[in-house]
Amino acid sequence: IKIQKQNQKLKYYHNMLDQDKLNGELICQQAQAIKGMSEHLAEYKQHQNKIACIKNYELLLLTPIVRRFMELSKKQKEYPTKEEWAELATEVNKLFPSFIKFNDNASFSLVEQQICLLVKIGLDLPSIIFLMNSNNKNITAKRSRMYKKLTGENGGAKDFDEYIRNLL
């Protein structure tokens, strides 16, 4: 009878062990499923952010101040006033709230902030050079340095432009 009770206990513990294995496998499967869903959710959020960025960029292009900067860059006869720079910053920050946080955290000079604004509104390098009353080498070097300051990584001016344009 003692041996029979011992065998029953042993069988009970083997069943418990088998159940623990099944539970462990189930937990692993569920963890993998959750990981997959989290990755899918992150991709979805990134996609939604891109859509929001495009919509806000389209709205930004319709503002009178952005049209004014476009006009100034095409005519290349006069430079923006301090008031126009301030208005441009206000409009960009309205549509891209993280842009103002980025400016606060980056500790950029006024010239660097202005370059960021011009990149954000999609101006090309010749337009930026004119509006900043500078030259290609200087503007390109500043953009590369700003990218390093922002990301801690080495990168070129085009990397900086892409980073700025993708800020919400």
N, C-alpha and C. Protein backbone atom coordinates (compact mmCIF):
# COMPACT_ATOMS: atom_id res chain seq x y z
N ILE A 1 0.84 -1.19 0.00
CA ILE A 1 0.00 0.00 0.00
C ILE A 1 0.88 1.25 0.00
N LYS A 2 1.98 1.21 0.77
CA LYS A 2 2.90 2.35 0.79
C LYS A 2 3.47 2.60 -0.60
N ILE A 3 3.85 1.55 -1.27
CA ILE A 3 4.44 1.68 -2.61
C ILE A 3 3.40 2.22 -3.58
N GLN A 4 2.18 1.76 -3.42
CA GLN A 4 1.10 2.24 -4.28
C GLN A 4 0.87 3.74 -4.07
N LYS A 5 0.89 4.19 -2.80
CA LYS A 5 0.74 5.62 -2.51
C LYS A 5 1.91 6.41 -3.07
N GLN A 6 3.11 5.84 -2.95
CA GLN A 6 4.30 6.51 -3.50
C GLN A 6 4.19 6.63 -5.02
N ASN A 7 3.72 5.57 -5.65
CA ASN A 7 3.55 5.59 -7.11
C ASN A 7 2.50 6.62 -7.53
N GLN A 8 1.43 6.73 -6.74
CA GLN A 8 0.39 7.72 -7.03
C GLN A 8 0.95 9.14 -6.91
N LYS A 9 1.74 9.36 -5.84
CA LYS A 9 2.37 10.68 -5.67
C LYS A 9 3.31 10.98 -6.82
N LEU A 10 4.10 9.97 -7.19
CA LEU A 10 5.04 10.13 -8.29
C LEU A 10 4.31 10.46 -9.59
N LYS A 11 3.23 9.75 -9.85
CA LYS A 11 2.42 9.99 -11.04
C LYS A 11 1.83 11.41 -11.00
N TYR A 12 1.35 11.80 -9.82
CA TYR A 12 0.80 13.15 -9.64
C TYR A 12 1.85 14.22 -9.97
N TYR A 13 3.07 14.03 -9.45
CA TYR A 13 4.14 15.00 -9.69
C TYR A 13 4.57 15.01 -11.16
N HIS A 14 4.57 13.86 -11.80
CA HIS A 14 4.88 13.80 -13.24
C HIS A 14 3.82 14.57 -14.05
N ASN A 15 2.57 14.42 -13.67
CA ASN A 15 1.48 15.15 -14.34
C ASN A 15 1.63 16.65 -14.13
N MET A 16 2.00 17.03 -12.91
CA MET A 16 2.22 18.46 -12.61
C MET A 16 3.37 19.00 -13.46
N LEU A 17 4.43 18.22 -13.57
CA LEU A 17 5.60 18.62 -14.36
C LEU A 17 5.22 18.77 -15.83
N ASP A 18 4.46 17.80 -16.34
CA ASP A 18 3.99 17.89 -17.73
C ASP A 18 3.12 19.13 -17.94
N GLN A 19 2.27 19.40 -16.97
CA GLN A 19 1.40 20.59 -17.05
C GLN A 19 2.24 21.87 -17.02
N ASP A 20 3.28 21.91 -16.19
CA ASP A 20 4.18 23.07 -16.14
C ASP A 20 4.88 23.29 -17.47
N LYS A 21 5.30 22.18 -18.10
CA LYS A 21 5.95 22.28 -19.42
C LYS A 21 4.98 22.88 -20.44
N LEU A 22 3.75 22.38 -20.43
CA LEU A 22 2.73 22.89 -21.35
C LEU A 22 2.46 24.38 -21.10
N ASN A 23 2.36 24.74 -19.83
CA ASN A 23 2.14 26.15 -19.48
C ASN A 23 3.31 27.00 -19.93
N GLY A 24 4.54 26.50 -19.76
CA GLY A 24 5.73 27.23 -20.19
C GLY A 24 5.73 27.45 -21.69
N GLU A 25 5.39 26.40 -22.45
CA GLU A 25 5.33 26.52 -23.90
C GLU A 25 4.24 27.51 -24.32
N LEU A 26 3.11 27.43 -23.65
CA LEU A 26 2.01 28.34 -23.95
C LEU A 26 2.42 29.79 -23.66
N ILE A 27 3.10 30.00 -22.55
CA ILE A 27 3.57 31.35 -22.20
C ILE A 27 4.55 31.86 -23.26
N CYS A 28 5.45 30.99 -23.71
CA CYS A 28 6.41 31.38 -24.77
C CYS A 28 5.67 31.77 -26.05
N GLN A 29 4.69 30.97 -26.43
CA GLN A 29 3.92 31.28 -27.63
C GLN A 29 3.18 32.61 -27.49
N GLN A 30 2.60 32.83 -26.33
CA GLN A 30 1.88 34.09 -26.10
C GLN A 30 2.84 35.28 -26.10
N ALA A 31 4.02 35.09 -25.53
CA ALA A 31 5.02 36.16 -25.51
C ALA A 31 5.45 36.51 -26.94
N GLN A 32 5.63 35.50 -27.78
CA GLN A 32 5.99 35.74 -29.17
C GLN A 32 4.86 36.45 -29.91
N ALA A 33 3.63 36.06 -29.63
CA ALA A 33 2.48 36.70 -30.27
C ALA A 33 2.40 38.17 -29.85
N ILE A 34 2.62 38.43 -28.58
CA ILE A 34 2.59 39.81 -28.08
C ILE A 34 3.70 40.63 -28.73
N LYS A 35 4.87 40.04 -28.85
CA LYS A 35 5.98 40.74 -29.49
C LYS A 35 5.63 41.10 -30.94
N GLY A 36 5.03 40.14 -31.64
CA GLY A 36 4.63 40.39 -33.03
C GLY A 36 3.59 41.50 -33.12
N MET A 37 2.63 41.48 -32.20
CA MET A 37 1.60 42.53 -32.19
C MET A 37 2.21 43.89 -31.85
N SER A 38 3.16 43.91 -30.94
CA SER A 38 3.83 45.17 -30.57
C SER A 38 4.59 45.75 -31.76
N GLU A 39 5.27 44.88 -32.49
CA GLU A 39 5.99 45.33 -33.68
C GLU A 39 5.02 45.87 -34.72
N HIS A 40 3.93 45.17 -34.90
CA HIS A 40 2.91 45.60 -35.86
C HIS A 40 2.33 46.96 -35.45
N LEU A 41 2.07 47.12 -34.15
CA LEU A 41 1.54 48.38 -33.64
C LEU A 41 2.55 49.51 -33.85
N ALA A 42 3.82 49.25 -33.62
CA ALA A 42 4.85 50.27 -33.83
C ALA A 42 4.91 50.69 -35.30
N GLU A 43 4.81 49.71 -36.20
CA GLU A 43 4.80 50.02 -37.64
C GLU A 43 3.57 50.86 -37.98
N TYR A 44 2.43 50.50 -37.42
CA TYR A 44 1.20 51.24 -37.67
C TYR A 44 1.32 52.69 -37.19
N LYS A 45 1.86 52.87 -35.97
CA LYS A 45 2.04 54.21 -35.43
C LYS A 45 2.99 55.02 -36.30
N GLN A 46 4.05 54.39 -36.75
CA GLN A 46 5.01 55.08 -37.62
C GLN A 46 4.33 55.51 -38.92
N HIS A 47 3.50 54.64 -39.46
CA HIS A 47 2.77 54.96 -40.68
C HIS A 47 1.80 56.12 -40.44
N GLN A 48 1.09 56.10 -39.33
CA GLN A 48 0.17 57.18 -38.99
C GLN A 48 0.93 58.50 -38.81
N ASN A 49 2.10 58.44 -38.20
CA ASN A 49 2.91 59.65 -38.02
C ASN A 49 3.33 60.23 -39.37
N LYS A 50 3.68 59.35 -40.29
CA LYS A 50 4.07 59.83 -41.63
C LYS A 50 2.88 60.52 -42.31
N ILE A 51 1.70 59.93 -42.17
CA ILE A 51 0.50 60.54 -42.76
C ILE A 51 0.24 61.90 -42.13
N ALA A 52 0.35 61.99 -40.81
CA ALA A 52 0.14 63.27 -40.12
C ALA A 52 1.18 64.29 -40.56
N CYS A 53 2.40 63.84 -40.73
CA CYS A 53 3.47 64.73 -41.15
C CYS A 53 3.19 65.29 -42.55
N ILE A 54 2.74 64.43 -43.44
CA ILE A 54 2.42 64.86 -44.82
C ILE A 54 1.26 65.86 -44.81
N LYS A 55 0.22 65.56 -44.04
CA LYS A 55 -0.94 66.46 -43.98
C LYS A 55 -0.53 67.83 -43.41
N ASN A 56 0.25 67.81 -42.34
CA ASN A 56 0.69 69.07 -41.74
C ASN A 56 1.62 69.83 -42.67
N TYR A 57 2.45 69.12 -43.39
CA TYR A 57 3.35 69.76 -44.33
C TYR A 57 2.54 70.44 -45.45
N GLU A 58 1.51 69.76 -45.92
CA GLU A 58 0.65 70.36 -46.95
C GLU A 58 -0.02 71.63 -46.42
N LEU A 59 -0.50 71.57 -45.17
CA LEU A 59 -1.12 72.76 -44.56
C LEU A 59 -0.09 73.88 -44.41
N LEU A 60 1.12 73.52 -44.03
CA LEU A 60 2.18 74.51 -43.85
C LEU A 60 2.47 75.24 -45.17
N LEU A 61 2.51 74.49 -46.26
CA LEU A 61 2.80 75.09 -47.57
C LEU A 61 1.74 76.09 -48.00
N LEU A 62 0.55 75.97 -47.45
CA LEU A 62 -0.54 76.87 -47.81
C LEU A 62 -0.51 78.19 -47.02
N THR A 63 0.30 78.27 -45.97
CA THR A 63 0.31 79.47 -45.15
C THR A 63 0.96 80.63 -45.90
N PRO A 64 0.47 81.84 -45.68
CA PRO A 64 1.03 83.00 -46.36
C PRO A 64 2.53 83.21 -46.08
N ILE A 65 2.96 82.90 -44.86
CA ILE A 65 4.37 83.14 -44.54
C ILE A 65 5.29 82.17 -45.29
N VAL A 66 4.86 80.95 -45.46
CA VAL A 66 5.69 80.00 -46.22
C VAL A 66 5.71 80.42 -47.70
N ARG A 67 4.56 80.83 -48.19
CA ARG A 67 4.53 81.32 -49.59
C ARG A 67 5.45 82.54 -49.75
N ARG A 68 5.49 83.38 -48.72
CA ARG A 68 6.38 84.56 -48.74
C ARG A 68 7.85 84.12 -48.82
N PHE A 69 8.23 83.15 -48.02
CA PHE A 69 9.61 82.66 -48.05
C PHE A 69 9.93 82.03 -49.40
N MET A 70 8.98 81.33 -49.98
CA MET A 70 9.18 80.73 -51.31
C MET A 70 9.40 81.84 -52.35
N GLU A 71 8.59 82.86 -52.23
CA GLU A 71 8.70 84.00 -53.15
C GLU A 71 10.07 84.69 -52.99
N LEU A 72 10.47 84.93 -51.76
CA LEU A 72 11.78 85.55 -51.51
C LEU A 72 12.91 84.72 -52.09
N SER A 73 12.80 83.41 -51.95
CA SER A 73 13.87 82.54 -52.44
C SER A 73 13.92 82.50 -53.96
N LYS A 74 12.77 82.69 -54.61
CA LYS A 74 12.74 82.68 -56.08
C LYS A 74 13.24 84.00 -56.65
N LYS A 75 12.77 85.11 -56.09
CA LYS A 75 13.15 86.43 -56.61
C LYS A 75 14.59 86.79 -56.28
N GLN A 76 15.04 86.38 -55.12
CA GLN A 76 16.40 86.63 -54.64
C GLN A 76 16.80 88.11 -54.73
N LYS A 77 15.89 88.95 -54.24
CA LYS A 77 16.16 90.39 -54.23
C LYS A 77 16.19 90.95 -52.82
N GLU A 78 15.47 90.31 -51.91
CA GLU A 78 15.45 90.79 -50.52
C GLU A 78 15.44 89.61 -49.57
N TYR A 79 15.78 89.92 -48.32
CA TYR A 79 15.87 88.89 -47.29
C TYR A 79 14.69 89.00 -46.33
N PRO A 80 14.37 87.91 -45.64
CA PRO A 80 13.27 87.96 -44.67
C PRO A 80 13.59 88.91 -43.51
N THR A 81 12.55 89.53 -42.99
CA THR A 81 12.72 90.40 -41.82
C THR A 81 12.69 89.55 -40.55
N LYS A 82 13.05 90.16 -39.43
CA LYS A 82 12.98 89.45 -38.14
C LYS A 82 11.55 89.01 -37.86
N GLU A 83 10.61 89.87 -38.21
CA GLU A 83 9.20 89.55 -37.98
C GLU A 83 8.76 88.35 -38.83
N GLU A 84 9.24 88.30 -40.06
CA GLU A 84 8.89 87.16 -40.93
C GLU A 84 9.50 85.87 -40.39
N TRP A 85 10.73 85.92 -39.90
CA TRP A 85 11.33 84.74 -39.30
C TRP A 85 10.50 84.27 -38.10
N ALA A 86 10.08 85.22 -37.27
CA ALA A 86 9.29 84.87 -36.09
C ALA A 86 7.95 84.25 -36.50
N GLU A 87 7.34 84.82 -37.52
CA GLU A 87 6.05 84.29 -38.00
C GLU A 87 6.22 82.88 -38.58
N LEU A 88 7.30 82.67 -39.30
CA LEU A 88 7.57 81.34 -39.85
C LEU A 88 7.74 80.32 -38.72
N ALA A 89 8.50 80.70 -37.70
CA ALA A 89 8.70 79.80 -36.56
C ALA A 89 7.37 79.47 -35.89
N THR A 90 6.52 80.46 -35.74
CA THR A 90 5.21 80.26 -35.11
C THR A 90 4.37 79.28 -35.92
N GLU A 91 4.33 79.46 -37.22
CA GLU A 91 3.52 78.57 -38.08
C GLU A 91 4.05 77.14 -38.06
N VAL A 92 5.37 76.99 -38.14
CA VAL A 92 5.95 75.64 -38.12
C VAL A 92 5.64 74.96 -36.79
N ASN A 93 5.81 75.71 -35.71
CA ASN A 93 5.58 75.13 -34.38
C ASN A 93 4.12 74.80 -34.12
N LYS A 94 3.20 75.53 -34.76
CA LYS A 94 1.78 75.23 -34.63
C LYS A 94 1.45 73.86 -35.23
N LEU A 95 2.00 73.61 -36.41
CA LEU A 95 1.68 72.37 -37.13
C LEU A 95 2.57 71.20 -36.73
N PHE A 96 3.74 71.50 -36.21
CA PHE A 96 4.68 70.46 -35.81
C PHE A 96 5.13 70.72 -34.37
N PRO A 97 4.30 70.31 -33.39
CA PRO A 97 4.58 70.64 -31.98
C PRO A 97 5.93 70.15 -31.47
N SER A 98 6.42 69.03 -31.99
CA SER A 98 7.72 68.55 -31.50
C SER A 98 8.87 69.41 -32.02
N PHE A 99 8.58 70.22 -33.02
CA PHE A 99 9.63 71.07 -33.58
C PHE A 99 10.10 72.10 -32.56
N ILE A 100 9.18 72.67 -31.79
CA ILE A 100 9.57 73.66 -30.78
C ILE A 100 10.35 72.98 -29.66
N LYS A 101 9.95 71.77 -29.28
CA LYS A 101 10.68 71.02 -28.25
C LYS A 101 12.08 70.70 -28.74
N PHE A 102 12.16 70.33 -30.01
CA PHE A 102 13.45 70.02 -30.61
C PHE A 102 14.35 71.25 -30.56
N ASN A 103 13.80 72.41 -30.91
CA ASN A 103 14.61 73.64 -30.87
C ASN A 103 15.06 73.97 -29.45
N ASP A 104 14.18 73.78 -28.48
CA ASP A 104 14.52 74.05 -27.08
C ASP A 104 15.64 73.13 -26.60
N ASN A 105 15.56 71.87 -26.98
CA ASN A 105 16.52 70.88 -26.48
C ASN A 105 17.85 70.90 -27.23
N ALA A 106 17.85 71.34 -28.45
CA ALA A 106 19.05 71.24 -29.28
C ALA A 106 20.07 72.34 -28.99
N SER A 107 19.65 73.40 -28.35
CA SER A 107 20.49 74.57 -28.06
C SER A 107 21.21 75.06 -29.32
N PHE A 108 20.41 75.29 -30.34
CA PHE A 108 20.94 75.82 -31.59
C PHE A 108 20.99 77.35 -31.55
N SER A 109 21.92 77.88 -32.31
CA SER A 109 22.00 79.33 -32.46
C SER A 109 20.83 79.80 -33.32
N LEU A 110 20.62 81.10 -33.38
CA LEU A 110 19.55 81.65 -34.20
C LEU A 110 19.71 81.25 -35.67
N VAL A 111 20.93 81.33 -36.17
CA VAL A 111 21.20 80.96 -37.56
C VAL A 111 20.87 79.49 -37.78
N GLU A 112 21.25 78.63 -36.85
CA GLU A 112 20.96 77.20 -36.98
C GLU A 112 19.45 76.95 -36.94
N GLN A 113 18.74 77.67 -36.08
CA GLN A 113 17.28 77.52 -36.02
C GLN A 113 16.65 77.95 -37.34
N GLN A 114 17.18 79.01 -37.93
CA GLN A 114 16.64 79.47 -39.20
C GLN A 114 16.89 78.45 -40.31
N ILE A 115 18.05 77.83 -40.30
CA ILE A 115 18.32 76.78 -41.28
C ILE A 115 17.33 75.64 -41.10
N CYS A 116 17.07 75.27 -39.84
CA CYS A 116 16.08 74.21 -39.57
C CYS A 116 14.71 74.56 -40.14
N LEU A 117 14.31 75.80 -39.95
CA LEU A 117 13.00 76.24 -40.47
C LEU A 117 12.95 76.13 -41.99
N LEU A 118 14.01 76.56 -42.64
CA LEU A 118 14.03 76.53 -44.10
C LEU A 118 14.03 75.09 -44.62
N VAL A 119 14.74 74.22 -43.94
CA VAL A 119 14.72 72.81 -44.33
C VAL A 119 13.33 72.24 -44.10
N LYS A 120 12.72 72.60 -42.97
CA LYS A 120 11.39 72.07 -42.62
C LYS A 120 10.35 72.45 -43.67
N ILE A 121 10.45 73.66 -44.22
CA ILE A 121 9.44 74.07 -45.22
C ILE A 121 9.80 73.57 -46.62
N GLY A 122 10.90 72.81 -46.71
CA GLY A 122 11.21 72.13 -47.97
C GLY A 122 12.02 72.92 -48.97
N LEU A 123 12.69 73.98 -48.53
CA LEU A 123 13.49 74.75 -49.48
C LEU A 123 14.75 73.98 -49.87
N ASP A 124 15.18 74.18 -51.11
CA ASP A 124 16.39 73.52 -51.59
C ASP A 124 17.63 74.32 -51.16
N LEU A 125 18.80 73.74 -51.36
CA LEU A 125 20.05 74.35 -50.91
C LEU A 125 20.29 75.74 -51.50
N PRO A 126 20.11 75.96 -52.80
CA PRO A 126 20.33 77.32 -53.32
C PRO A 126 19.42 78.37 -52.65
N SER A 127 18.18 77.99 -52.37
CA SER A 127 17.26 78.92 -51.70
C SER A 127 17.72 79.21 -50.28
N ILE A 128 18.15 78.17 -49.58
CA ILE A 128 18.65 78.35 -48.21
C ILE A 128 19.89 79.23 -48.21
N ILE A 129 20.78 78.99 -49.15
CA ILE A 129 22.02 79.79 -49.25
C ILE A 129 21.67 81.26 -49.43
N PHE A 130 20.72 81.54 -50.32
CA PHE A 130 20.34 82.94 -50.54
C PHE A 130 19.71 83.54 -49.28
N LEU A 131 18.69 82.89 -48.75
CA LEU A 131 17.96 83.44 -47.61
C LEU A 131 18.83 83.62 -46.37
N MET A 132 19.86 82.79 -46.25
CA MET A 132 20.78 82.90 -45.11
C MET A 132 21.97 83.80 -45.45
N ASN A 133 22.01 84.29 -46.70
CA ASN A 133 23.11 85.15 -47.15
C ASN A 133 24.45 84.49 -46.83
N SER A 134 24.57 83.24 -47.29
CA SER A 134 25.75 82.45 -46.98
C SER A 134 26.25 81.75 -48.24
N ASN A 135 27.02 80.69 -48.05
CA ASN A 135 27.52 79.94 -49.20
C ASN A 135 27.30 78.44 -48.99
N ASN A 136 27.46 77.69 -50.05
CA ASN A 136 27.19 76.26 -50.05
C ASN A 136 28.00 75.54 -48.97
N LYS A 137 29.29 75.80 -48.93
CA LYS A 137 30.18 75.12 -48.00
C LYS A 137 29.75 75.36 -46.55
N ASN A 138 29.44 76.60 -46.22
CA ASN A 138 29.06 76.97 -44.86
C ASN A 138 27.74 76.31 -44.45
N ILE A 139 26.73 76.40 -45.30
CA ILE A 139 25.42 75.83 -44.98
C ILE A 139 25.51 74.31 -44.88
N THR A 140 26.22 73.68 -45.79
CA THR A 140 26.37 72.23 -45.77
C THR A 140 27.09 71.77 -44.51
N ALA A 141 28.15 72.48 -44.13
CA ALA A 141 28.90 72.13 -42.92
C ALA A 141 28.03 72.30 -41.67
N LYS A 142 27.24 73.38 -41.63
CA LYS A 142 26.35 73.60 -40.47
C LYS A 142 25.33 72.47 -40.35
N ARG A 143 24.77 72.06 -41.47
CA ARG A 143 23.76 71.00 -41.44
C ARG A 143 24.37 69.69 -40.94
N SER A 144 25.58 69.39 -41.38
CA SER A 144 26.26 68.17 -40.91
C SER A 144 26.55 68.25 -39.42
N ARG A 145 27.02 69.40 -38.95
CA ARG A 145 27.30 69.56 -37.51
C ARG A 145 26.02 69.47 -36.68
N MET A 146 24.94 70.04 -37.19
CA MET A 146 23.67 69.98 -36.46
C MET A 146 23.16 68.55 -36.37
N TYR A 147 23.36 67.77 -37.43
CA TYR A 147 22.95 66.36 -37.40
C TYR A 147 23.71 65.63 -36.29
N LYS A 148 25.00 65.87 -36.21
CA LYS A 148 25.82 65.24 -35.16
C LYS A 148 25.33 65.68 -33.78
N LYS A 149 25.02 66.98 -33.64
CA LYS A 149 24.55 67.51 -32.36
C LYS A 149 23.21 66.87 -31.96
N LEU A 150 22.36 66.64 -32.93
CA LEU A 150 21.04 66.08 -32.66
C LEU A 150 21.06 64.58 -32.36
N THR A 151 21.85 63.85 -33.12
CA THR A 151 21.77 62.39 -33.06
C THR A 151 22.98 61.75 -32.39
N GLY A 152 24.08 62.48 -32.31
CA GLY A 152 25.31 61.88 -31.79
C GLY A 152 26.01 61.03 -32.82
N GLU A 153 25.48 60.99 -34.02
CA GLU A 153 26.05 60.18 -35.10
C GLU A 153 26.63 61.08 -36.18
N ASN A 154 27.64 60.57 -36.86
CA ASN A 154 28.16 61.30 -38.02
C ASN A 154 27.17 61.13 -39.16
N GLY A 155 26.99 62.19 -39.90
CA GLY A 155 26.08 62.12 -41.03
C GLY A 155 26.26 63.36 -41.88
N GLY A 156 25.70 63.33 -43.04
CA GLY A 156 25.82 64.45 -43.95
C GLY A 156 24.64 65.39 -43.86
N ALA A 157 24.71 66.41 -44.69
CA ALA A 157 23.66 67.43 -44.73
C ALA A 157 22.31 66.81 -45.12
N LYS A 158 22.33 65.85 -46.02
CA LYS A 158 21.07 65.21 -46.44
C LYS A 158 20.45 64.40 -45.30
N ASP A 159 21.30 63.82 -44.46
CA ASP A 159 20.78 63.11 -43.28
C ASP A 159 20.07 64.09 -42.35
N PHE A 160 20.68 65.26 -42.18
CA PHE A 160 20.08 66.30 -41.35
C PHE A 160 18.73 66.72 -41.92
N ASP A 161 18.69 66.96 -43.23
CA ASP A 161 17.44 67.38 -43.87
C ASP A 161 16.34 66.36 -43.65
N GLU A 162 16.66 65.09 -43.83
CA GLU A 162 15.66 64.04 -43.65
C GLU A 162 15.18 64.00 -42.19
N TYR A 163 16.10 64.14 -41.26
CA TYR A 163 15.76 64.14 -39.84
C TYR A 163 14.79 65.28 -39.53
N ILE A 164 15.09 66.48 -40.01
CA ILE A 164 14.26 67.66 -39.74
C ILE A 164 12.89 67.52 -40.40
N ARG A 165 12.87 67.06 -41.61
CA ARG A 165 11.60 66.94 -42.34
C ARG A 165 10.69 65.89 -41.71
N ASN A 166 11.26 64.91 -41.01
CA ASN A 166 10.45 63.87 -40.40
C ASN A 166 9.99 64.19 -38.99
N LEU A 167 10.42 65.32 -38.45
CA LEU A 167 9.97 65.72 -37.11
C LEU A 167 8.50 66.11 -37.16
N LEU A 168 7.74 65.59 -36.23
CA LEU A 168 6.33 66.00 -36.12
C LEU A 168 6.29 67.15 -35.21
